[in-house]
C-alpha atoms as a PDB file:
ATOM      1  CA  UNK A   1      76.685  -1.559 -29.314  1.00  0.00           C
ATOM      2  CA  UNK A   2      77.702   1.652 -29.385  1.00  0.00           C
ATOM      3  CA  UNK A   3      74.621   4.902 -28.343  1.00  0.00           C
ATOM      4  CA  UNK A   4      74.622   6.717 -31.564  1.00  0.00           C
ATOM      5  CA  UNK A   5      73.101   3.348 -33.145  1.00  0.00           C
ATOM      6  CA  UNK A   6      70.956   2.611 -30.044  1.00  0.00           C
ATOM      7  CA  UNK A   7      69.875   5.728 -30.845  1.00  0.00           C
ATOM      8  CA  UNK A   8      69.318   5.269 -34.130  1.00  0.00           C
ATOM      9  CA  UNK A   9      67.669   1.907 -33.367  1.00  0.00           C
ATOM     10  CA  UNK A  10      65.095   3.435 -30.745  1.00  0.00           C
ATOM     11  CA  UNK A  11      64.094   5.950 -33.111  1.00  0.00           C
ATOM     12  CA  UNK A  12      62.997   3.964 -35.637  1.00  0.00           C
ATOM     13  CA  UNK A  13      59.830   1.118 -34.781  1.00  0.00           C
ATOM     14  CA  UNK A  14      60.670  -0.432 -37.950  1.00  0.00           C
ATOM     15  CA  UNK A  15      64.298  -1.604 -36.664  1.00  0.00           C
ATOM     16  CA  UNK A  16      63.143  -2.800 -32.790  1.00  0.00           C
ATOM     17  CA  UNK A  17      60.421  -4.938 -34.625  1.00  0.00           C
ATOM     18  CA  UNK A  18      63.348  -6.373 -37.557  1.00  0.00           C
ATOM     19  CA  UNK A  19      65.556  -6.916 -34.249  1.00  0.00           C
ATOM     20  CA  UNK A  20      62.951  -8.280 -32.212  1.00  0.00           C
ATOM     21  CA  UNK A  21      62.269 -10.832 -34.728  1.00  0.00           C
ATOM     22  CA  UNK A  22      65.458 -12.079 -35.867  1.00  0.00           C
ATOM     23  CA  UNK A  23      67.701 -11.092 -32.433  1.00  0.00           C
ATOM     24  CA  UNK A  24      70.651 -12.031 -33.864  1.00  0.00           C
ATOM     25  CA  UNK A  25      71.360  -9.302 -34.816  1.00  0.00           C
ATOM     26  CA  UNK A  26      72.086  -7.877 -31.259  1.00  0.00           C
ATOM     27  CA  UNK A  27      75.016  -9.584 -31.477  1.00  0.00           C
ATOM     28  CA  UNK A  28      76.191  -8.954 -34.941  1.00  0.00           C
ATOM     29  CA  UNK A  29      75.395  -5.302 -34.248  1.00  0.00           C
ATOM     30  CA  UNK A  30      76.784  -5.241 -30.623  1.00  0.00           C
ATOM     31  CA  UNK A  31      80.517  -6.675 -32.591  1.00  0.00           C
ATOM     32  CA  UNK A  32      80.243  -4.610 -34.920  1.00  0.00           C
ATOM     33  CA  UNK A  33      78.427  -1.489 -35.302  1.00  0.00           C
ATOM     34  CA  UNK A  34      79.669  -0.998 -39.059  1.00  0.00           C
ATOM     35  CA  UNK A  35      77.006  -3.756 -39.982  1.00  0.00           C
ATOM     36  CA  UNK A  36      74.003  -0.667 -39.146  1.00  0.00           C
ATOM     37  CA  UNK A  37      74.221   0.278 -43.474  1.00  0.00           C
ATOM     38  CA  UNK A  38      74.119  -3.708 -43.792  1.00  0.00           C
ATOM     39  CA  UNK A  39      71.637  -3.760 -41.060  1.00  0.00           C
ATOM     40  CA  UNK A  40      68.917  -1.031 -42.199  1.00  0.00           C
ATOM     41  CA  UNK A  41      69.325  -2.502 -46.258  1.00  0.00           C
ATOM     42  CA  UNK A  42      67.757  -5.514 -44.742  1.00  0.00           C
ATOM     43  CA  UNK A  43      65.288  -4.306 -42.836  1.00  0.00           C
ATOM     44  CA  UNK A  44      63.925  -2.162 -45.904  1.00  0.00           C
ATOM     45  CA  UNK A  45      64.089  -5.467 -48.168  1.00  0.00           C
ATOM     46  CA  UNK A  46      62.510  -7.565 -46.142  1.00  0.00           C
ATOM     47  CA  UNK A  47      60.090  -4.684 -45.245  1.00  0.00           C
ATOM     48  CA  UNK A  48      59.150  -4.049 -48.969  1.00  0.00           C
ATOM     49  CA  UNK A  49      60.622  -0.120 -48.049  1.00  0.00           C
ATOM     50  CA  UNK A  50      62.843   0.122 -50.994  1.00  0.00           C
ATOM     51  CA  UNK A  51      61.875   2.575 -53.859  1.00  0.00           C
ATOM     52  CA  UNK A  52      61.335  -0.376 -56.388  1.00  0.00           C
ATOM     53  CA  UNK A  53      59.734  -2.635 -53.700  1.00  0.00           C
ATOM     54  CA  UNK A  54      57.144   0.956 -53.608  1.00  0.00           C
ATOM     55  CA  UNK A  55      57.071   1.698 -57.283  1.00  0.00           C
ATOM     56  CA  UNK A  56      56.233  -2.483 -57.676  1.00  0.00           C
ATOM     57  CA  UNK A  57      53.401  -1.737 -54.976  1.00  0.00           C
ATOM     58  CA  UNK A  58      51.360   1.191 -56.794  1.00  0.00           C
ATOM     59  CA  UNK A  59      51.711  -0.546 -60.493  1.00  0.00           C
ATOM     60  CA  UNK A  60      49.871  -3.503 -58.370  1.00  0.00           C
ATOM     61  CA  UNK A  61      47.427  -1.126 -57.222  1.00  0.00           C
ATOM     62  CA  UNK A  62      46.299   1.048 -60.424  1.00  0.00           C
ATOM     63  CA  UNK A  63      46.476  -2.839 -62.351  1.00  0.00           C
ATOM     64  CA  UNK A  64      43.600  -3.583 -59.509  1.00  0.00           C
ATOM     65  CA  UNK A  65      41.989   0.109 -60.359  1.00  0.00           C
ATOM     66  CA  UNK A  66      41.828  -1.046 -63.520  1.00  0.00           C
ATOM     67  CA  UNK A  67      40.556  -4.423 -62.889  1.00  0.00           C
ATOM     68  CA  UNK A  68      37.258  -3.017 -60.541  1.00  0.00           C
ATOM     69  CA  UNK A  69      36.569  -0.573 -63.656  1.00  0.00           C
ATOM     70  CA  UNK A  70      36.899  -2.771 -66.320  1.00  0.00           C
ATOM     71  CA  UNK A  71      34.913  -5.125 -64.272  1.00  0.00           C
ATOM     72  CA  UNK A  72      32.067  -3.199 -63.603  1.00  0.00           C
ATOM     73  CA  UNK A  73      31.547  -1.688 -67.285  1.00  0.00           C
END
């Protein structure tokens, strides 16, 4: 694994956590550092960090608040 990839991983706690949970990525990143973009996308997909996931989560919160407000009436 090249130094640039190592620094990117060390600076992001989610990357470290994901690597510990899915250790096969160590081998993949060691053999082919260009797979880092794929690794990033998989982390975002797994931890729901994509913009579409955030919008969906915000809509869920709004729906929950609407339900609580309608129950209180």
